[in-house]
Amino acid sequence: MFRLEDLTLFVRAAALGSFSDAAREAGQQPAQVSAAIKRLETILNIRLFARSTRSLRLTPEGDTAALRHPDARYPRGRSAEDPDPGR
């Protein structure tokens, strides 16, 4: 079943480049973010992230999915409406 929270966690993990940072931001454990991403990958039948023990990067399919949500491209505290908070 599709969960909006899973999509939100995907967007934040894509923006932050880290399941741990996305989990911290959401007040969850990294394992919960990982499980959310796995659920999305199962539902969509694609891999969203290429994972290794030291890195996390979007796959081409994950990048396409992230591009559909403007906040996926901006780090914590920034959004598509305000891409440069220093202005």
N, C-alpha and C. Protein backbone atom coordinates (compact mmCIF):
# COMPACT_ATOMS: atom_id res chain seq x y z
N MET A 1 0.83 -1.17 0.00
CA MET A 1 0.00 0.00 0.00
C MET A 1 0.89 1.25 0.00
N PHE A 2 0.50 2.23 -0.79
CA PHE A 2 1.25 3.48 -0.90
C PHE A 2 1.02 4.33 0.35
N ARG A 3 2.10 4.85 0.91
CA ARG A 3 2.03 5.73 2.08
C ARG A 3 2.65 7.07 1.72
N LEU A 4 1.94 8.14 1.99
CA LEU A 4 2.45 9.48 1.73
C LEU A 4 3.73 9.73 2.52
N GLU A 5 3.80 9.22 3.74
CA GLU A 5 4.99 9.39 4.56
C GLU A 5 6.23 8.77 3.89
N ASP A 6 6.04 7.64 3.21
CA ASP A 6 7.16 7.01 2.50
C ASP A 6 7.69 7.94 1.41
N LEU A 7 6.78 8.57 0.69
CA LEU A 7 7.18 9.50 -0.37
C LEU A 7 7.90 10.70 0.23
N THR A 8 7.40 11.21 1.34
CA THR A 8 8.05 12.33 2.01
C THR A 8 9.47 11.96 2.44
N LEU A 9 9.64 10.77 2.99
CA LEU A 9 10.97 10.33 3.41
C LEU A 9 11.90 10.15 2.21
N PHE A 10 11.37 9.66 1.11
CA PHE A 10 12.16 9.55 -0.12
C PHE A 10 12.65 10.93 -0.57
N VAL A 11 11.74 11.89 -0.59
CA VAL A 11 12.09 13.25 -1.03
C VAL A 11 13.18 13.83 -0.14
N ARG A 12 13.07 13.66 1.16
CA ARG A 12 14.07 14.21 2.08
C ARG A 12 15.39 13.45 1.96
N ALA A 13 15.35 12.14 1.81
CA ALA A 13 16.59 11.37 1.64
C ALA A 13 17.29 11.77 0.35
N ALA A 14 16.52 12.01 -0.70
CA ALA A 14 17.10 12.44 -1.97
C ALA A 14 17.74 13.82 -1.82
N ALA A 15 17.08 14.72 -1.13
CA ALA A 15 17.60 16.08 -0.95
C ALA A 15 18.84 16.10 -0.06
N LEU A 16 18.82 15.29 0.98
CA LEU A 16 19.91 15.30 1.96
C LEU A 16 21.03 14.34 1.60
N GLY A 17 20.74 13.38 0.74
CA GLY A 17 21.75 12.40 0.36
C GLY A 17 22.08 11.41 1.45
N SER A 18 21.13 11.23 2.38
CA SER A 18 21.41 10.36 3.52
C SER A 18 20.12 9.87 4.16
N PHE A 19 20.02 8.56 4.38
CA PHE A 19 18.89 8.03 5.12
C PHE A 19 18.96 8.49 6.57
N SER A 20 20.16 8.53 7.14
CA SER A 20 20.32 8.94 8.53
C SER A 20 19.87 10.38 8.75
N ASP A 21 20.26 11.27 7.85
CA ASP A 21 19.85 12.67 7.98
C ASP A 21 18.35 12.83 7.79
N ALA A 22 17.78 12.10 6.83
CA ALA A 22 16.33 12.15 6.62
C ALA A 22 15.60 11.61 7.85
N ALA A 23 16.13 10.55 8.44
CA ALA A 23 15.52 9.98 9.65
C ALA A 23 15.59 10.97 10.80
N ARG A 24 16.75 11.57 11.00
CA ARG A 24 16.93 12.54 12.07
C ARG A 24 15.94 13.70 11.91
N GLU A 25 15.83 14.20 10.69
CA GLU A 25 14.92 15.31 10.40
C GLU A 25 13.46 14.93 10.70
N ALA A 26 13.10 13.67 10.43
CA ALA A 26 11.73 13.20 10.62
C ALA A 26 11.48 12.64 12.03
N GLY A 27 12.52 12.59 12.85
CA GLY A 27 12.38 12.03 14.19
C GLY A 27 12.18 10.52 14.18
N GLN A 28 12.82 9.86 13.21
CA GLN A 28 12.70 8.41 13.07
C GLN A 28 14.09 7.77 13.07
N GLN A 29 14.09 6.45 13.07
CA GLN A 29 15.34 5.70 12.99
C GLN A 29 15.70 5.50 11.51
N PRO A 30 17.00 5.42 11.18
CA PRO A 30 17.40 5.17 9.79
C PRO A 30 16.77 3.90 9.21
N ALA A 31 16.57 2.88 10.03
CA ALA A 31 15.95 1.64 9.55
C ALA A 31 14.52 1.89 9.07
N GLN A 32 13.83 2.84 9.70
CA GLN A 32 12.47 3.17 9.27
C GLN A 32 12.48 3.84 7.90
N VAL A 33 13.46 4.69 7.67
CA VAL A 33 13.58 5.34 6.36
C VAL A 33 13.92 4.29 5.31
N SER A 34 14.85 3.42 5.63
CA SER A 34 15.22 2.35 4.70
C SER A 34 14.01 1.49 4.35
N ALA A 35 13.20 1.16 5.34
CA ALA A 35 12.00 0.35 5.09
C ALA A 35 11.00 1.11 4.21
N ALA A 36 10.87 2.41 4.43
CA ALA A 36 9.97 3.24 3.61
C ALA A 36 10.43 3.25 2.16
N ILE A 37 11.73 3.38 1.96
CA ILE A 37 12.27 3.40 0.59
C ILE A 37 12.05 2.04 -0.06
N LYS A 38 12.28 0.97 0.69
CA LYS A 38 12.06 -0.38 0.14
C LYS A 38 10.60 -0.59 -0.25
N ARG A 39 9.67 -0.07 0.57
CA ARG A 39 8.24 -0.19 0.21
C ARG A 39 7.95 0.54 -1.10
N LEU A 40 8.48 1.76 -1.25
CA LEU A 40 8.28 2.51 -2.49
C LEU A 40 8.88 1.77 -3.68
N GLU A 41 10.08 1.25 -3.49
CA GLU A 41 10.74 0.52 -4.59
C GLU A 41 9.92 -0.70 -5.00
N THR A 42 9.32 -1.37 -4.04
CA THR A 42 8.49 -2.54 -4.34
C THR A 42 7.22 -2.12 -5.09
N ILE A 43 6.57 -1.08 -4.61
CA ILE A 43 5.34 -0.60 -5.25
C ILE A 43 5.62 -0.13 -6.68
N LEU A 44 6.70 0.63 -6.85
CA LEU A 44 7.02 1.21 -8.16
C LEU A 44 7.77 0.24 -9.07
N ASN A 45 8.29 -0.83 -8.47
CA ASN A 45 9.08 -1.83 -9.20
C ASN A 45 10.33 -1.22 -9.85
N ILE A 46 10.97 -0.32 -9.10
CA ILE A 46 12.24 0.29 -9.54
C ILE A 46 13.13 0.47 -8.33
N ARG A 47 14.43 0.61 -8.58
CA ARG A 47 15.37 0.97 -7.51
C ARG A 47 15.50 2.48 -7.52
N LEU A 48 15.26 3.11 -6.38
CA LEU A 48 15.34 4.56 -6.28
C LEU A 48 16.75 5.02 -5.93
N PHE A 49 17.46 4.23 -5.12
CA PHE A 49 18.81 4.57 -4.69
C PHE A 49 19.77 3.42 -4.97
N ALA A 50 20.99 3.78 -5.30
CA ALA A 50 22.10 2.82 -5.33
C ALA A 50 22.79 2.98 -3.98
N ARG A 51 22.82 1.91 -3.22
CA ARG A 51 23.35 1.97 -1.86
C ARG A 51 24.65 1.20 -1.77
N SER A 52 25.55 1.73 -0.96
CA SER A 52 26.73 0.98 -0.55
C SER A 52 26.94 1.30 0.91
N THR A 53 27.94 0.69 1.51
CA THR A 53 28.17 0.95 2.93
C THR A 53 28.61 2.39 3.19
N ARG A 54 29.14 3.05 2.19
CA ARG A 54 29.65 4.41 2.39
C ARG A 54 28.98 5.49 1.55
N SER A 55 28.09 5.11 0.67
CA SER A 55 27.48 6.14 -0.16
C SER A 55 26.04 5.81 -0.51
N LEU A 56 25.33 6.84 -0.86
CA LEU A 56 23.95 6.73 -1.28
C LEU A 56 23.76 7.70 -2.43
N ARG A 57 23.29 7.18 -3.55
CA ARG A 57 23.02 8.08 -4.68
C ARG A 57 21.77 7.61 -5.38
N LEU A 58 21.09 8.56 -6.00
CA LEU A 58 19.89 8.24 -6.74
C LEU A 58 20.24 7.45 -7.99
N THR A 59 19.43 6.47 -8.32
CA THR A 59 19.56 5.80 -9.61
C THR A 59 18.95 6.74 -10.66
N PRO A 60 19.13 6.47 -11.94
CA PRO A 60 18.46 7.30 -12.95
C PRO A 60 16.94 7.34 -12.74
N GLU A 61 16.35 6.21 -12.36
CA GLU A 61 14.91 6.17 -12.09
C GLU A 61 14.56 6.99 -10.85
N GLY A 62 15.39 6.89 -9.82
CA GLY A 62 15.18 7.68 -8.61
C GLY A 62 15.33 9.16 -8.87
N ASP A 63 16.29 9.51 -9.71
CA ASP A 63 16.50 10.90 -10.07
C ASP A 63 15.27 11.45 -10.80
N THR A 64 14.71 10.66 -11.70
CA THR A 64 13.50 11.07 -12.41
C THR A 64 12.35 11.27 -11.43
N ALA A 65 12.19 10.34 -10.49
CA ALA A 65 11.13 10.46 -9.49
C ALA A 65 11.35 11.69 -8.62
N ALA A 66 12.59 11.94 -8.22
CA ALA A 66 12.89 13.10 -7.37
C ALA A 66 12.64 14.41 -8.10
N LEU A 67 12.92 14.44 -9.38
CA LEU A 67 12.71 15.67 -10.15
C LEU A 67 11.25 16.08 -10.19
N ARG A 68 10.37 15.15 -9.95
CA ARG A 68 8.94 15.46 -9.94
C ARG A 68 8.53 16.21 -8.68
N HIS A 69 9.39 16.25 -7.68
CA HIS A 69 9.09 16.98 -6.44
C HIS A 69 10.16 18.04 -6.25
N PRO A 70 9.80 19.31 -6.31
CA PRO A 70 10.81 20.38 -6.29
C PRO A 70 11.70 20.39 -5.05
N ASP A 71 11.18 20.02 -3.88
CA ASP A 71 12.00 20.07 -2.67
C ASP A 71 13.03 18.96 -2.60
N ALA A 72 12.98 17.98 -3.47
CA ALA A 72 13.95 16.89 -3.46
C ALA A 72 15.33 17.37 -3.89
N ARG A 73 15.41 18.50 -4.52
CA ARG A 73 16.69 19.01 -5.02
C ARG A 73 17.32 20.06 -4.11
N TYR A 74 16.70 20.33 -2.96
CA TYR A 74 17.21 21.37 -2.07
C TYR A 74 17.48 20.79 -0.69
N PRO A 75 18.62 21.15 -0.10
CA PRO A 75 18.95 20.62 1.23
C PRO A 75 18.06 21.19 2.33
N ARG A 76 18.24 20.68 3.52
CA ARG A 76 17.47 21.07 4.69
C ARG A 76 17.37 22.60 4.80
N GLY A 77 16.17 23.07 5.10
CA GLY A 77 15.97 24.49 5.31
C GLY A 77 15.79 25.28 4.03
N ARG A 78 15.84 24.63 2.89
CA ARG A 78 15.67 25.33 1.62
C ARG A 78 14.57 24.65 0.84
N SER A 79 13.95 25.39 -0.04
CA SER A 79 12.90 24.82 -0.87
C SER A 79 12.98 25.41 -2.26
N ALA A 80 12.17 24.89 -3.15
CA ALA A 80 12.13 25.40 -4.52
C ALA A 80 11.70 26.86 -4.55
N GLU A 81 10.86 27.26 -3.58
CA GLU A 81 10.42 28.64 -3.54
C GLU A 81 11.52 29.57 -3.06
N ASP A 82 12.46 29.06 -2.27
CA ASP A 82 13.54 29.87 -1.72
C ASP A 82 14.85 29.10 -1.83
N PRO A 83 15.38 28.92 -3.05
CA PRO A 83 16.58 28.12 -3.22
C PRO A 83 17.84 28.73 -2.61
N ASP A 84 17.83 30.03 -2.32
CA ASP A 84 19.00 30.67 -1.73
C ASP A 84 18.56 31.51 -0.54
N PRO A 85 18.55 30.93 0.68
CA PRO A 85 18.05 31.67 1.84
C PRO A 85 18.90 32.87 2.21
N GLY A 86 20.09 33.00 1.64
CA GLY A 86 20.96 34.13 1.95
C GLY A 86 20.62 35.40 1.19
N ARG A 87 19.66 35.33 0.28
CA ARG A 87 19.34 36.52 -0.51
C ARG A 87 18.61 37.54 0.31
